């Protein structure tokens, strides 16, 4: 993997303070640079795992296991509101209307997940960890879903059942409901039999 060092800017140090949490508990804010062996575990966990990662590496012609270049292709929308872009690039801003999806469009996108993990294609560039098949979408003010294109952030995850793990979607929905009942901050979710729809931003 190409070395991925991390140095917090002076502005970040001022904002969060030394030892503050900005990205991860494993990378607390400090003035000294983090080495690539220290950043690698965090960066790897921003990406899908297993077959999904292999498919994305082939699609974007990234050498197997090259976390740096895969995040270069996909990192404009990652978990935790993290954006990974070239230092010379402007932060992503929405430049146009998200592409509204009908129910049939959503179903088609779900059917295409084995070939296009996370719904990533030439228009949609984002990343999320895990092995479970999932589609990231943006909810519009109308309540309908759209593709997060033109810099629009994703707002919801549609997660599908995993073959060989019966009840995984029901279990996730139950755990989130339990957390909310216990007073813990947990995302809103809807359970649809073989899928859960979770608001994550």
N, C-alpha and C. Protein backbone atom coordinates (compact mmCIF):
# COMPACT_ATOMS: atom_id res chain seq x y z
N UNK A 1 0.84 -1.19 0.00
CA UNK A 1 0.00 0.00 0.00
C UNK A 1 0.88 1.24 0.00
N UNK A 2 0.55 2.18 -0.83
CA UNK A 2 1.26 3.45 -0.83
C UNK A 2 1.13 4.09 0.55
N UNK A 3 2.22 4.69 1.05
CA UNK A 3 2.20 5.27 2.38
C UNK A 3 1.14 6.35 2.53
N UNK A 4 0.34 6.25 3.57
CA UNK A 4 -0.71 7.24 3.82
C UNK A 4 -0.47 7.84 5.19
N UNK A 5 0.38 8.85 5.22
CA UNK A 5 0.66 9.54 6.47
C UNK A 5 -0.48 10.50 6.79
N UNK A 6 -0.58 10.90 8.05
CA UNK A 6 -1.64 11.83 8.47
C UNK A 6 -1.04 12.89 9.37
N UNK A 7 -1.30 14.14 9.03
CA UNK A 7 -0.91 15.26 9.90
C UNK A 7 -2.12 16.18 10.05
N UNK A 8 -2.54 16.41 11.27
CA UNK A 8 -3.64 17.35 11.51
C UNK A 8 -3.17 18.77 11.26
N UNK A 9 -4.01 19.57 10.66
CA UNK A 9 -3.67 20.96 10.40
C UNK A 9 -3.68 21.75 11.71
N UNK A 10 -2.96 22.87 11.76
CA UNK A 10 -3.02 23.71 12.97
C UNK A 10 -4.46 24.11 13.32
N UNK A 11 -5.28 24.33 12.30
CA UNK A 11 -6.68 24.70 12.57
C UNK A 11 -7.42 23.56 13.27
N UNK A 12 -7.13 22.31 12.87
CA UNK A 12 -7.78 21.16 13.51
C UNK A 12 -7.32 21.03 14.96
N UNK A 13 -6.03 21.25 15.21
CA UNK A 13 -5.51 21.17 16.57
C UNK A 13 -6.17 22.23 17.44
N UNK A 14 -6.33 23.44 16.89
CA UNK A 14 -6.98 24.52 17.65
C UNK A 14 -8.44 24.18 17.93
N UNK A 15 -9.10 23.59 16.95
CA UNK A 15 -10.54 23.32 17.10
C UNK A 15 -10.81 22.18 18.08
N UNK A 16 -10.08 21.06 17.96
CA UNK A 16 -10.37 19.87 18.76
C UNK A 16 -9.48 19.73 19.98
N UNK A 17 -8.33 20.40 19.97
CA UNK A 17 -7.39 20.27 21.07
C UNK A 17 -6.56 19.00 20.96
N UNK A 18 -5.37 19.04 21.54
CA UNK A 18 -4.51 17.86 21.54
C UNK A 18 -5.22 16.72 22.28
N UNK A 19 -5.21 15.53 21.68
CA UNK A 19 -5.89 14.33 22.18
C UNK A 19 -7.40 14.37 21.94
N UNK A 20 -7.89 15.39 21.25
CA UNK A 20 -9.30 15.43 20.90
C UNK A 20 -9.63 14.38 19.84
N UNK A 21 -10.92 14.09 19.70
CA UNK A 21 -11.37 13.09 18.73
C UNK A 21 -11.97 13.80 17.52
N UNK A 22 -11.34 13.62 16.38
CA UNK A 22 -11.84 14.18 15.13
C UNK A 22 -12.17 13.07 14.14
N UNK A 23 -11.29 12.10 14.00
CA UNK A 23 -11.49 10.99 13.07
C UNK A 23 -11.77 9.68 13.79
N UNK A 24 -10.91 9.34 14.74
CA UNK A 24 -10.98 8.02 15.37
C UNK A 24 -10.25 8.06 16.70
N UNK A 25 -10.70 7.21 17.64
CA UNK A 25 -10.00 7.11 18.92
C UNK A 25 -8.58 6.58 18.73
N UNK A 26 -8.35 5.87 17.61
CA UNK A 26 -7.01 5.35 17.33
C UNK A 26 -6.08 6.42 16.76
N UNK A 27 -6.64 7.56 16.36
CA UNK A 27 -5.85 8.65 15.78
C UNK A 27 -6.23 9.97 16.43
N UNK A 28 -6.04 10.10 17.74
CA UNK A 28 -6.41 11.36 18.40
C UNK A 28 -5.62 12.53 17.83
N UNK A 29 -6.18 13.70 17.95
CA UNK A 29 -5.53 14.90 17.41
C UNK A 29 -4.19 15.11 18.12
N UNK A 30 -3.18 15.37 17.31
CA UNK A 30 -1.86 15.72 17.82
C UNK A 30 -1.13 16.52 16.76
N UNK A 31 -0.03 17.15 17.16
CA UNK A 31 0.72 17.95 16.20
C UNK A 31 1.69 17.11 15.38
N UNK A 32 2.13 15.98 15.94
CA UNK A 32 3.07 15.12 15.24
C UNK A 32 2.37 14.32 14.14
N UNK A 33 3.12 13.96 13.12
CA UNK A 33 2.57 13.18 12.02
C UNK A 33 2.37 11.72 12.43
N UNK A 34 1.29 11.11 11.94
CA UNK A 34 1.08 9.68 12.09
C UNK A 34 1.71 8.96 10.91
N UNK A 35 2.40 7.85 11.20
CA UNK A 35 3.02 7.05 10.14
C UNK A 35 1.95 6.22 9.41
N UNK A 36 2.33 5.71 8.24
CA UNK A 36 1.38 4.93 7.44
C UNK A 36 0.95 3.66 8.16
N UNK A 37 1.83 3.04 8.96
CA UNK A 37 1.41 1.84 9.68
C UNK A 37 0.41 2.16 10.78
N UNK A 38 0.36 3.41 11.23
CA UNK A 38 -0.62 3.82 12.23
C UNK A 38 -1.96 4.19 11.60
N UNK A 39 -1.92 4.71 10.38
CA UNK A 39 -3.17 5.13 9.72
C UNK A 39 -3.84 3.99 8.98
N UNK A 40 -3.07 2.96 8.60
CA UNK A 40 -3.60 1.89 7.75
C UNK A 40 -4.85 1.21 8.31
N UNK A 41 -4.88 0.83 9.60
CA UNK A 41 -6.09 0.16 10.11
C UNK A 41 -7.35 1.02 9.98
N UNK A 42 -7.23 2.31 10.27
CA UNK A 42 -8.39 3.21 10.15
C UNK A 42 -8.83 3.33 8.70
N UNK A 43 -7.90 3.56 7.79
CA UNK A 43 -8.25 3.75 6.39
C UNK A 43 -8.84 2.48 5.78
N UNK A 44 -8.29 1.33 6.12
CA UNK A 44 -8.82 0.06 5.61
C UNK A 44 -10.28 -0.12 6.00
N UNK A 45 -10.63 0.33 7.18
CA UNK A 45 -11.98 0.12 7.69
C UNK A 45 -13.00 1.14 7.16
N UNK A 46 -12.54 2.02 6.29
CA UNK A 46 -13.47 2.89 5.57
C UNK A 46 -13.99 2.22 4.30
N UNK A 47 -13.40 1.08 3.95
CA UNK A 47 -13.71 0.41 2.68
C UNK A 47 -14.47 -0.89 2.89
N UNK A 48 -15.22 -1.32 1.87
CA UNK A 48 -15.89 -2.63 1.95
C UNK A 48 -14.86 -3.75 2.08
N UNK A 49 -15.36 -4.92 2.45
CA UNK A 49 -14.47 -6.07 2.64
C UNK A 49 -14.78 -7.16 1.61
N UNK A 50 -13.90 -8.13 1.55
CA UNK A 50 -14.14 -9.35 0.79
C UNK A 50 -14.36 -9.12 -0.69
N UNK A 51 -15.38 -9.82 -1.21
CA UNK A 51 -15.65 -9.79 -2.65
C UNK A 51 -16.02 -8.39 -3.12
N UNK A 52 -16.73 -7.62 -2.28
CA UNK A 52 -17.13 -6.27 -2.68
C UNK A 52 -15.90 -5.40 -2.95
N UNK A 53 -14.91 -5.50 -2.08
CA UNK A 53 -13.70 -4.71 -2.29
C UNK A 53 -12.97 -5.16 -3.55
N UNK A 54 -12.90 -6.47 -3.76
CA UNK A 54 -12.22 -6.98 -4.95
C UNK A 54 -12.88 -6.47 -6.23
N UNK A 55 -14.21 -6.45 -6.24
CA UNK A 55 -14.94 -5.93 -7.41
C UNK A 55 -14.61 -4.46 -7.65
N UNK A 56 -14.59 -3.66 -6.59
CA UNK A 56 -14.31 -2.24 -6.73
C UNK A 56 -12.87 -2.01 -7.18
N UNK A 57 -11.93 -2.82 -6.68
CA UNK A 57 -10.54 -2.69 -7.12
C UNK A 57 -10.43 -2.95 -8.62
N UNK A 58 -11.15 -3.97 -9.10
CA UNK A 58 -11.10 -4.26 -10.54
C UNK A 58 -11.77 -3.15 -11.35
N UNK A 59 -12.92 -2.67 -10.86
CA UNK A 59 -13.66 -1.65 -11.61
C UNK A 59 -12.85 -0.36 -11.76
N UNK A 60 -12.10 0.01 -10.72
CA UNK A 60 -11.35 1.27 -10.77
C UNK A 60 -9.87 1.04 -11.04
N UNK A 61 -9.53 -0.20 -11.47
CA UNK A 61 -8.17 -0.55 -11.87
C UNK A 61 -7.15 -0.20 -10.78
N UNK A 62 -7.48 -0.59 -9.56
CA UNK A 62 -6.62 -0.37 -8.41
C UNK A 62 -5.95 -1.70 -8.04
N UNK A 63 -4.65 -1.73 -7.82
CA UNK A 63 -4.00 -2.98 -7.43
C UNK A 63 -4.62 -3.56 -6.16
N UNK A 64 -4.69 -4.87 -6.10
CA UNK A 64 -5.29 -5.55 -4.96
C UNK A 64 -4.62 -5.09 -3.65
N UNK A 65 -5.45 -4.70 -2.69
CA UNK A 65 -4.96 -4.29 -1.39
C UNK A 65 -4.46 -2.86 -1.31
N UNK A 66 -4.56 -2.08 -2.38
CA UNK A 66 -4.06 -0.70 -2.39
C UNK A 66 -5.14 0.23 -1.83
N UNK A 67 -5.14 0.36 -0.52
CA UNK A 67 -6.15 1.16 0.17
C UNK A 67 -6.09 2.62 -0.25
N UNK A 68 -4.89 3.15 -0.37
CA UNK A 68 -4.72 4.57 -0.69
C UNK A 68 -5.42 4.93 -2.00
N UNK A 69 -5.15 4.15 -3.06
CA UNK A 69 -5.72 4.50 -4.36
C UNK A 69 -7.20 4.17 -4.46
N UNK A 70 -7.67 3.18 -3.70
CA UNK A 70 -9.10 2.90 -3.72
C UNK A 70 -9.87 4.02 -3.02
N UNK A 71 -9.33 4.54 -1.93
CA UNK A 71 -9.96 5.68 -1.28
C UNK A 71 -9.86 6.94 -2.14
N UNK A 72 -8.81 7.03 -2.93
CA UNK A 72 -8.70 8.16 -3.87
C UNK A 72 -9.87 8.15 -4.85
N UNK A 73 -10.31 6.94 -5.23
CA UNK A 73 -11.43 6.80 -6.17
C UNK A 73 -12.78 6.95 -5.49
N UNK A 74 -12.89 6.50 -4.23
CA UNK A 74 -14.21 6.40 -3.60
C UNK A 74 -14.42 7.31 -2.39
N UNK A 75 -13.38 8.00 -1.95
CA UNK A 75 -13.44 8.62 -0.63
C UNK A 75 -14.18 9.92 -0.48
N UNK A 76 -14.99 10.31 -1.45
CA UNK A 76 -15.67 11.60 -1.32
C UNK A 76 -16.88 11.56 -0.40
N UNK A 77 -17.25 10.37 0.06
CA UNK A 77 -18.35 10.23 1.02
C UNK A 77 -18.11 8.94 1.81
N UNK A 78 -17.56 9.07 3.02
CA UNK A 78 -17.25 7.92 3.85
C UNK A 78 -17.98 8.03 5.19
N UNK A 79 -18.02 6.93 5.91
CA UNK A 79 -18.67 6.93 7.23
C UNK A 79 -18.03 7.97 8.14
N UNK A 80 -18.86 8.58 8.99
CA UNK A 80 -18.36 9.60 9.90
C UNK A 80 -18.23 10.96 9.28
N UNK A 81 -18.91 11.17 8.15
CA UNK A 81 -18.84 12.46 7.43
C UNK A 81 -17.41 12.77 7.02
N UNK A 82 -16.64 11.73 6.72
CA UNK A 82 -15.25 11.89 6.30
C UNK A 82 -15.19 12.02 4.78
N UNK A 83 -14.43 12.98 4.30
CA UNK A 83 -14.23 13.21 2.88
C UNK A 83 -12.73 13.11 2.61
N UNK A 84 -12.36 12.24 1.68
CA UNK A 84 -10.95 12.08 1.32
C UNK A 84 -10.78 12.51 -0.12
N UNK A 85 -10.05 13.62 -0.31
CA UNK A 85 -9.84 14.17 -1.64
C UNK A 85 -8.39 14.63 -1.75
N UNK A 86 -7.96 14.90 -2.97
CA UNK A 86 -6.65 15.46 -3.21
C UNK A 86 -6.55 16.85 -2.58
N UNK A 87 -5.37 17.19 -2.09
CA UNK A 87 -5.19 18.48 -1.42
C UNK A 87 -5.53 19.65 -2.33
N UNK A 88 -5.41 19.46 -3.64
CA UNK A 88 -5.69 20.55 -4.58
C UNK A 88 -7.16 20.62 -4.99
N UNK A 89 -7.95 19.62 -4.57
CA UNK A 89 -9.37 19.60 -4.94
C UNK A 89 -10.20 20.40 -3.94
N UNK A 90 -11.24 21.03 -4.44
CA UNK A 90 -12.18 21.71 -3.54
C UNK A 90 -13.07 20.67 -2.87
N UNK A 91 -13.51 20.92 -1.63
CA UNK A 91 -14.43 19.99 -0.98
C UNK A 91 -15.66 19.78 -1.85
N UNK A 92 -16.21 18.56 -1.86
CA UNK A 92 -17.37 18.31 -2.72
C UNK A 92 -18.56 19.14 -2.31
N UNK A 93 -19.21 19.71 -3.29
CA UNK A 93 -20.46 20.44 -3.06
C UNK A 93 -21.46 19.92 -4.07
N UNK A 94 -22.72 20.03 -3.70
CA UNK A 94 -23.75 19.52 -4.60
C UNK A 94 -23.84 20.41 -5.84
N UNK A 95 -23.66 19.82 -6.98
CA UNK A 95 -23.70 20.58 -8.23
C UNK A 95 -24.76 20.00 -9.13
N UNK A 96 -25.99 20.23 -8.80
CA UNK A 96 -27.08 19.68 -9.59
C UNK A 96 -28.02 18.87 -8.73
N UNK A 97 -29.12 18.47 -9.32
CA UNK A 97 -30.14 17.74 -8.59
C UNK A 97 -29.78 16.26 -8.47
N UNK A 98 -29.93 15.69 -7.26
CA UNK A 98 -29.77 14.24 -7.14
C UNK A 98 -30.75 13.54 -8.07
N UNK A 99 -30.38 12.36 -8.54
CA UNK A 99 -31.22 11.63 -9.48
C UNK A 99 -32.29 10.86 -8.72
N UNK A 100 -33.53 11.29 -8.85
CA UNK A 100 -34.63 10.65 -8.13
C UNK A 100 -34.82 9.21 -8.59
N UNK A 101 -35.07 8.33 -7.64
CA UNK A 101 -35.28 6.92 -7.93
C UNK A 101 -36.73 6.53 -7.67
N UNK A 102 -37.32 5.80 -8.59
CA UNK A 102 -38.63 5.20 -8.33
C UNK A 102 -38.40 3.92 -7.53
N UNK A 103 -39.49 3.32 -7.05
CA UNK A 103 -39.36 2.05 -6.33
C UNK A 103 -38.72 0.99 -7.23
N UNK A 104 -39.10 1.01 -8.51
CA UNK A 104 -38.51 0.05 -9.46
C UNK A 104 -37.02 0.32 -9.65
N UNK A 105 -36.62 1.59 -9.65
CA UNK A 105 -35.21 1.94 -9.78
C UNK A 105 -34.42 1.41 -8.58
N UNK A 106 -34.99 1.58 -7.37
CA UNK A 106 -34.33 1.10 -6.17
C UNK A 106 -34.17 -0.42 -6.24
N UNK A 107 -35.25 -1.10 -6.66
CA UNK A 107 -35.19 -2.56 -6.77
C UNK A 107 -34.12 -2.99 -7.78
N UNK A 108 -34.02 -2.26 -8.90
CA UNK A 108 -33.02 -2.59 -9.92
C UNK A 108 -31.61 -2.38 -9.38
N UNK A 109 -31.41 -1.29 -8.65
CA UNK A 109 -30.10 -1.01 -8.07
C UNK A 109 -29.71 -2.10 -7.06
N UNK A 110 -30.69 -2.58 -6.29
CA UNK A 110 -30.43 -3.66 -5.34
C UNK A 110 -30.03 -4.93 -6.09
N UNK A 111 -30.74 -5.22 -7.18
CA UNK A 111 -30.40 -6.40 -7.98
C UNK A 111 -28.99 -6.32 -8.55
N UNK A 112 -28.51 -5.08 -8.80
CA UNK A 112 -27.19 -4.90 -9.40
C UNK A 112 -26.04 -4.89 -8.39
N UNK A 113 -26.38 -4.97 -7.08
CA UNK A 113 -25.34 -4.87 -6.05
C UNK A 113 -24.22 -5.92 -6.19
N UNK A 114 -24.53 -7.16 -6.60
CA UNK A 114 -23.42 -8.11 -6.75
C UNK A 114 -22.34 -7.64 -7.72
N UNK A 115 -22.73 -6.86 -8.72
CA UNK A 115 -21.76 -6.36 -9.70
C UNK A 115 -21.29 -4.94 -9.37
N UNK A 116 -22.11 -4.19 -8.61
CA UNK A 116 -21.78 -2.80 -8.27
C UNK A 116 -21.99 -2.57 -6.77
N UNK A 117 -21.03 -3.02 -5.94
CA UNK A 117 -21.17 -2.86 -4.49
C UNK A 117 -21.44 -1.42 -4.09
N UNK A 118 -22.36 -1.23 -3.14
CA UNK A 118 -22.76 0.06 -2.62
C UNK A 118 -23.48 0.93 -3.66
N UNK A 119 -23.71 0.39 -4.85
CA UNK A 119 -24.31 1.19 -5.92
C UNK A 119 -23.32 2.11 -6.59
N UNK A 120 -22.02 1.87 -6.35
CA UNK A 120 -20.97 2.72 -6.92
C UNK A 120 -20.89 2.52 -8.43
N UNK A 121 -20.80 3.64 -9.15
CA UNK A 121 -20.57 3.60 -10.59
C UNK A 121 -19.89 4.90 -10.99
N UNK A 122 -19.94 5.28 -12.25
CA UNK A 122 -19.26 6.50 -12.69
C UNK A 122 -19.87 7.75 -12.06
N UNK A 123 -21.14 7.69 -11.67
CA UNK A 123 -21.80 8.86 -11.07
C UNK A 123 -21.73 8.87 -9.55
N UNK A 124 -21.72 7.70 -8.94
CA UNK A 124 -21.79 7.59 -7.48
C UNK A 124 -20.44 7.10 -6.96
N UNK A 125 -19.77 7.92 -6.15
CA UNK A 125 -18.47 7.56 -5.59
C UNK A 125 -18.54 7.72 -4.07
N UNK A 126 -18.60 6.61 -3.36
CA UNK A 126 -18.68 6.63 -1.90
C UNK A 126 -18.15 5.33 -1.36
N UNK A 127 -17.99 5.25 -0.04
CA UNK A 127 -17.44 4.05 0.56
C UNK A 127 -18.06 3.80 1.93
N UNK A 128 -18.15 2.52 2.28
CA UNK A 128 -18.65 2.11 3.58
C UNK A 128 -18.12 0.72 3.87
N UNK A 129 -17.70 0.51 5.12
CA UNK A 129 -17.09 -0.77 5.48
C UNK A 129 -18.12 -1.88 5.62
N UNK A 130 -17.61 -3.12 5.70
CA UNK A 130 -18.45 -4.29 5.97
C UNK A 130 -18.59 -5.19 4.76
N UNK A 131 -19.11 -6.39 5.02
CA UNK A 131 -19.30 -7.39 3.96
C UNK A 131 -20.74 -7.48 3.49
N UNK A 132 -21.69 -6.96 4.29
CA UNK A 132 -23.11 -7.07 3.96
C UNK A 132 -23.45 -6.23 2.73
N UNK A 133 -24.22 -6.80 1.80
CA UNK A 133 -24.64 -6.05 0.61
C UNK A 133 -25.50 -4.88 1.05
N UNK A 134 -25.19 -3.70 0.51
CA UNK A 134 -25.92 -2.50 0.92
C UNK A 134 -25.92 -1.48 -0.20
N UNK A 135 -26.96 -0.65 -0.21
CA UNK A 135 -27.11 0.43 -1.19
C UNK A 135 -27.21 1.74 -0.43
N UNK A 136 -26.39 2.71 -0.80
CA UNK A 136 -26.44 4.02 -0.17
C UNK A 136 -27.22 4.98 -1.05
N UNK A 137 -28.17 5.68 -0.43
CA UNK A 137 -29.05 6.58 -1.16
C UNK A 137 -29.21 7.88 -0.39
N UNK A 138 -29.80 8.87 -1.03
CA UNK A 138 -30.11 10.15 -0.41
C UNK A 138 -31.62 10.31 -0.36
N UNK A 139 -32.15 10.68 0.80
CA UNK A 139 -33.58 10.93 0.91
C UNK A 139 -33.86 12.40 0.61
N UNK A 140 -34.80 12.65 -0.29
CA UNK A 140 -35.19 14.00 -0.64
C UNK A 140 -36.26 14.51 0.32
N UNK A 141 -36.51 15.81 0.27
CA UNK A 141 -37.53 16.39 1.15
C UNK A 141 -38.90 15.75 0.93
N UNK A 142 -39.14 15.25 -0.27
CA UNK A 142 -40.41 14.60 -0.59
C UNK A 142 -40.56 13.22 0.05
N UNK A 143 -39.45 12.69 0.60
CA UNK A 143 -39.48 11.36 1.18
C UNK A 143 -39.06 10.27 0.22
N UNK A 144 -38.84 10.61 -1.03
CA UNK A 144 -38.38 9.63 -2.01
C UNK A 144 -36.85 9.55 -1.98
N UNK A 145 -36.33 8.44 -2.49
CA UNK A 145 -34.89 8.25 -2.51
C UNK A 145 -34.31 8.72 -3.84
N UNK A 146 -33.02 9.08 -3.80
CA UNK A 146 -32.31 9.53 -4.99
C UNK A 146 -30.88 9.03 -4.91
N UNK A 147 -30.19 9.05 -6.06
CA UNK A 147 -28.78 8.71 -6.08
C UNK A 147 -27.96 9.89 -5.57
N UNK A 148 -26.98 9.65 -4.70
CA UNK A 148 -26.15 10.75 -4.19
C UNK A 148 -25.09 11.14 -5.21
N UNK A 149 -25.49 11.91 -6.21
CA UNK A 149 -24.57 12.34 -7.26
C UNK A 149 -24.29 13.83 -7.10
N UNK A 150 -23.33 14.33 -7.85
CA UNK A 150 -23.05 15.76 -7.85
C UNK A 150 -22.57 16.28 -6.51
N UNK A 151 -21.94 15.42 -5.70
CA UNK A 151 -21.45 15.85 -4.40
C UNK A 151 -22.45 15.72 -3.28
N UNK A 152 -23.67 15.29 -3.57
CA UNK A 152 -24.68 15.13 -2.52
C UNK A 152 -24.28 13.98 -1.60
N UNK A 153 -24.36 14.18 -0.27
CA UNK A 153 -24.02 13.09 0.64
C UNK A 153 -25.14 12.06 0.69
N UNK A 154 -24.78 10.83 0.95
CA UNK A 154 -25.81 9.81 1.19
C UNK A 154 -26.40 10.03 2.58
N UNK A 155 -27.65 9.63 2.76
CA UNK A 155 -28.32 9.80 4.06
C UNK A 155 -28.84 8.49 4.62
N UNK A 156 -29.04 7.47 3.77
CA UNK A 156 -29.62 6.21 4.21
C UNK A 156 -28.85 5.02 3.64
N UNK A 157 -28.84 3.94 4.41
CA UNK A 157 -28.26 2.67 3.97
C UNK A 157 -29.39 1.65 3.88
N UNK A 158 -29.51 1.00 2.74
CA UNK A 158 -30.42 -0.13 2.60
C UNK A 158 -29.55 -1.38 2.66
N UNK A 159 -29.67 -2.15 3.76
CA UNK A 159 -28.86 -3.35 3.96
C UNK A 159 -29.69 -4.58 3.68
N UNK A 160 -29.10 -5.55 3.00
CA UNK A 160 -29.80 -6.76 2.63
C UNK A 160 -29.39 -7.93 3.52
N UNK A 161 -30.22 -8.95 3.52
CA UNK A 161 -29.92 -10.15 4.28
C UNK A 161 -28.67 -10.83 3.74
N UNK A 162 -27.98 -11.57 4.60
CA UNK A 162 -26.77 -12.29 4.21
C UNK A 162 -27.09 -13.77 4.16
N UNK A 163 -26.78 -14.40 3.05
CA UNK A 163 -27.03 -15.83 2.91
C UNK A 163 -26.25 -16.60 3.98
N UNK A 164 -26.95 -17.48 4.68
CA UNK A 164 -26.33 -18.26 5.73
C UNK A 164 -26.40 -17.63 7.10
N UNK A 165 -26.92 -16.40 7.18
CA UNK A 165 -27.06 -15.71 8.47
C UNK A 165 -28.52 -15.28 8.63
N UNK A 166 -29.37 -16.23 8.94
CA UNK A 166 -30.80 -15.96 9.04
C UNK A 166 -31.08 -14.92 10.13
N UNK A 167 -31.96 -13.98 9.81
CA UNK A 167 -32.39 -13.00 10.79
C UNK A 167 -31.45 -11.84 11.03
N UNK A 168 -30.43 -11.67 10.18
CA UNK A 168 -29.46 -10.61 10.44
C UNK A 168 -30.11 -9.23 10.37
N UNK A 169 -31.05 -9.04 9.44
CA UNK A 169 -31.70 -7.73 9.32
C UNK A 169 -32.63 -7.47 10.50
N UNK A 170 -33.39 -8.50 10.89
CA UNK A 170 -34.27 -8.36 12.05
C UNK A 170 -33.46 -8.09 13.30
N UNK A 171 -32.31 -8.75 13.43
CA UNK A 171 -31.46 -8.55 14.60
C UNK A 171 -30.94 -7.13 14.66
N UNK A 172 -30.51 -6.59 13.51
CA UNK A 172 -30.00 -5.22 13.51
C UNK A 172 -31.11 -4.24 13.87
N UNK A 173 -32.29 -4.43 13.31
CA UNK A 173 -33.41 -3.54 13.62
C UNK A 173 -33.75 -3.61 15.11
N UNK A 174 -33.74 -4.82 15.67
CA UNK A 174 -34.06 -5.00 17.08
C UNK A 174 -33.03 -4.31 17.96
N UNK A 175 -31.73 -4.47 17.62
CA UNK A 175 -30.66 -3.86 18.41
C UNK A 175 -30.74 -2.34 18.38
N UNK A 176 -31.04 -1.76 17.22
CA UNK A 176 -31.18 -0.31 17.12
C UNK A 176 -32.37 0.19 17.93
N UNK A 177 -33.48 -0.56 17.86
CA UNK A 177 -34.66 -0.19 18.64
C UNK A 177 -34.37 -0.27 20.13
N UNK A 178 -33.66 -1.31 20.57
CA UNK A 178 -33.29 -1.47 21.97
C UNK A 178 -32.41 -0.32 22.44
N UNK A 179 -31.43 0.06 21.60
CA UNK A 179 -30.54 1.17 21.95
C UNK A 179 -31.33 2.46 22.14
N UNK A 180 -32.28 2.71 21.26
CA UNK A 180 -33.08 3.93 21.37
C UNK A 180 -33.93 3.90 22.63
N UNK A 181 -34.52 2.73 22.95
CA UNK A 181 -35.33 2.61 24.16
C UNK A 181 -34.47 2.81 25.41
N UNK A 182 -33.21 2.45 25.32
CA UNK A 182 -32.30 2.61 26.46
C UNK A 182 -31.75 4.04 26.57
N UNK A 183 -32.16 4.90 25.64
CA UNK A 183 -31.72 6.29 25.69
C UNK A 183 -30.40 6.55 25.01
N UNK A 184 -29.89 5.56 24.26
CA UNK A 184 -28.63 5.74 23.56
C UNK A 184 -28.88 6.37 22.19
N UNK A 185 -27.94 7.18 21.70
CA UNK A 185 -28.12 7.74 20.36
C UNK A 185 -27.99 6.65 19.31
N UNK A 186 -29.04 6.38 18.60
CA UNK A 186 -29.02 5.33 17.57
C UNK A 186 -29.80 5.83 16.37
N UNK A 187 -29.36 5.47 15.17
CA UNK A 187 -30.05 5.95 13.97
C UNK A 187 -31.45 5.38 13.84
N UNK A 188 -32.30 6.12 13.17
CA UNK A 188 -33.64 5.62 12.87
C UNK A 188 -33.52 4.54 11.81
N UNK A 189 -34.43 3.56 11.86
CA UNK A 189 -34.37 2.48 10.90
C UNK A 189 -35.77 1.98 10.60
N UNK A 190 -35.91 1.37 9.43
CA UNK A 190 -37.15 0.68 9.04
C UNK A 190 -36.76 -0.73 8.64
N UNK A 191 -37.56 -1.71 9.08
CA UNK A 191 -37.28 -3.11 8.78
C UNK A 191 -38.28 -3.58 7.73
N UNK A 192 -37.78 -4.19 6.66
CA UNK A 192 -38.64 -4.62 5.56
C UNK A 192 -38.44 -6.10 5.24
N UNK A 193 -38.47 -6.92 6.25
CA UNK A 193 -38.38 -8.36 6.04
C UNK A 193 -36.99 -8.84 5.72
N UNK A 194 -36.52 -8.62 4.51
CA UNK A 194 -35.20 -9.08 4.11
C UNK A 194 -34.21 -7.93 4.00
N UNK A 195 -34.59 -6.76 4.53
CA UNK A 195 -33.70 -5.61 4.46
C UNK A 195 -34.01 -4.65 5.59
N UNK A 196 -33.01 -3.85 5.97
CA UNK A 196 -33.22 -2.74 6.89
C UNK A 196 -32.83 -1.46 6.17
N UNK A 197 -33.57 -0.38 6.45
CA UNK A 197 -33.27 0.93 5.90
C UNK A 197 -32.91 1.81 7.08
N UNK A 198 -31.66 2.26 7.14
CA UNK A 198 -31.15 2.99 8.30
C UNK A 198 -30.72 4.38 7.88
N UNK A 199 -31.20 5.39 8.67
CA UNK A 199 -30.73 6.75 8.43
C UNK A 199 -29.41 6.91 9.16
N UNK A 200 -28.36 7.28 8.41
CA UNK A 200 -27.04 7.33 9.03
C UNK A 200 -26.39 8.70 8.99
N UNK A 201 -27.12 9.72 8.54
CA UNK A 201 -26.54 11.06 8.57
C UNK A 201 -27.64 12.08 8.75
